[in-house]
Amino acid sequence: MITELDNNNYEEETKNGLKLIEFSADWCGFCSRQNIILKELDKIWIGKVDTDKNRELAKKYNITALPSFVLLKNGNEVERFSGLHSKFDIMNIITKHLK
């Protein structure tokens, strides 16, 4: 499930549980390819932040490459990675933090 995040709903949506946040932009080719892969992870909560429309959130997390991912657990960052990743790579990263 992919949820669009912005400055208005970000805090409420990410404060509880394990949340994978993707920082991306419409013009980013790798982001478009990553989006196809993310749709296959339909059982995982994924938040998507458009960095062009939400520069404050991108700045808060010091996003310098797209796509970039931040994994949050109860609102706290537990892992960060960037670039194009397979669904298996993403699942392995998430699984490490399920305990």
Protein backbone atom coordinates (compact mmCIF):
# COMPACT_ATOMS: atom_id res chain seq x y z
CA MET A 1 0.00 0.00 0.00
CA ILE A 2 1.53 3.31 -1.07
CA THR A 3 0.40 6.41 0.80
CA GLU A 4 1.18 9.88 -0.52
CA LEU A 5 2.82 11.93 2.23
CA ASP A 6 3.12 15.69 2.53
CA ASN A 7 3.81 18.28 5.20
CA ASN A 8 0.22 18.00 6.46
CA ASN A 9 -0.03 14.24 7.08
CA TYR A 10 3.58 13.10 7.51
CA GLU A 11 3.83 13.17 11.32
CA GLU A 12 0.48 11.45 11.90
CA GLU A 13 1.10 8.73 9.30
CA THR A 14 4.64 7.85 10.46
CA LYS A 15 4.48 8.03 14.26
CA ASN A 16 3.53 4.38 14.92
CA GLY A 17 4.83 1.08 13.61
CA LEU A 18 7.38 0.22 10.94
CA LYS A 19 7.10 2.62 8.00
CA LEU A 20 9.13 2.72 4.79
CA ILE A 21 9.34 6.20 3.31
CA GLU A 22 10.43 6.76 -0.29
CA PHE A 23 11.65 10.20 -1.30
CA SER A 24 11.25 10.66 -5.05
CA ALA A 25 10.32 13.06 -7.84
CA ASP A 26 8.21 12.75 -10.99
CA TRP A 27 11.15 13.63 -13.25
CA CYS A 28 13.41 10.89 -11.79
CA GLY A 29 13.74 7.88 -14.09
CA PHE A 30 15.02 5.55 -11.36
CA CYS A 31 12.10 6.63 -9.17
CA SER A 32 9.64 5.62 -11.90
CA ARG A 33 11.27 2.20 -12.18
CA GLN A 34 11.32 1.85 -8.38
CA ASN A 35 7.62 2.70 -8.21
CA ILE A 36 6.80 -0.37 -10.33
CA ILE A 37 8.70 -2.53 -7.83
CA LEU A 38 7.10 -0.87 -4.81
CA LYS A 39 3.61 -1.62 -6.14
CA GLU A 40 4.50 -5.33 -5.92
CA LEU A 41 4.99 -4.90 -2.14
CA ASP A 42 1.27 -4.34 -1.61
CA LYS A 43 1.28 -5.86 1.91
CA ILE A 44 3.88 -3.34 3.14
CA TRP A 45 3.02 0.20 4.26
CA ILE A 46 5.05 2.56 2.08
CA GLY A 47 4.90 6.32 2.23
CA LYS A 48 5.90 8.35 -0.80
CA VAL A 49 7.22 11.91 -0.51
CA ASP A 50 7.48 14.03 -3.65
CA THR A 51 10.62 16.05 -2.93
CA ASP A 52 9.67 18.82 -5.37
CA LYS A 53 6.39 19.48 -3.53
CA ASN A 54 7.70 18.78 -0.01
CA ARG A 55 11.15 20.33 0.18
CA GLU A 56 10.94 20.73 3.96
CA LEU A 57 10.64 16.97 4.46
CA ALA A 58 13.50 16.30 2.04
CA LYS A 59 15.63 18.84 3.89
CA LYS A 60 14.69 17.38 7.30
CA TYR A 61 16.13 14.01 6.20
CA ASN A 62 19.02 15.53 4.23
CA ILE A 63 17.94 13.80 1.00
CA THR A 64 20.61 14.26 -1.67
CA ALA A 65 19.88 11.34 -4.04
CA LEU A 66 16.71 9.91 -5.56
CA PRO A 67 15.14 7.58 -4.86
CA SER A 68 16.07 7.57 -1.19
CA PHE A 69 14.44 5.50 1.51
CA VAL A 70 14.13 6.06 5.24
CA LEU A 71 12.81 3.25 7.42
CA LEU A 72 11.10 4.47 10.57
CA LYS A 73 10.11 2.49 13.63
CA ASN A 74 7.63 4.36 15.82
CA GLY A 75 8.72 7.62 14.22
CA ASN A 76 12.46 7.07 14.69
CA GLU A 77 14.86 6.40 11.82
CA VAL A 78 16.34 2.90 11.96
CA GLU A 79 17.78 2.55 8.46
CA ARG A 80 18.45 4.57 5.32
CA PHE A 81 19.36 3.58 1.76
CA SER A 82 19.17 5.05 -1.72
CA GLY A 83 19.12 3.95 -5.33
CA LEU A 84 17.12 1.36 -7.23
CA HIS A 85 16.42 -1.81 -5.20
CA SER A 86 14.68 -5.10 -5.90
CA LYS A 87 11.65 -6.10 -3.85
CA PHE A 88 13.79 -8.82 -2.26
CA ASP A 89 16.43 -6.29 -1.14
CA ILE A 90 13.73 -4.08 0.35
CA MET A 91 12.06 -7.00 2.14
CA ASN A 92 15.40 -8.11 3.62
CA ILE A 93 16.00 -4.62 5.01
CA ILE A 94 12.49 -4.40 6.48
CA THR A 95 12.63 -7.91 7.94
CA LYS A 96 15.72 -7.02 10.01
CA HIS A 97 13.62 -4.51 11.94
CA LEU A 98 10.46 -6.53 12.59
CA LYS A 99 11.64 -7.76 15.99
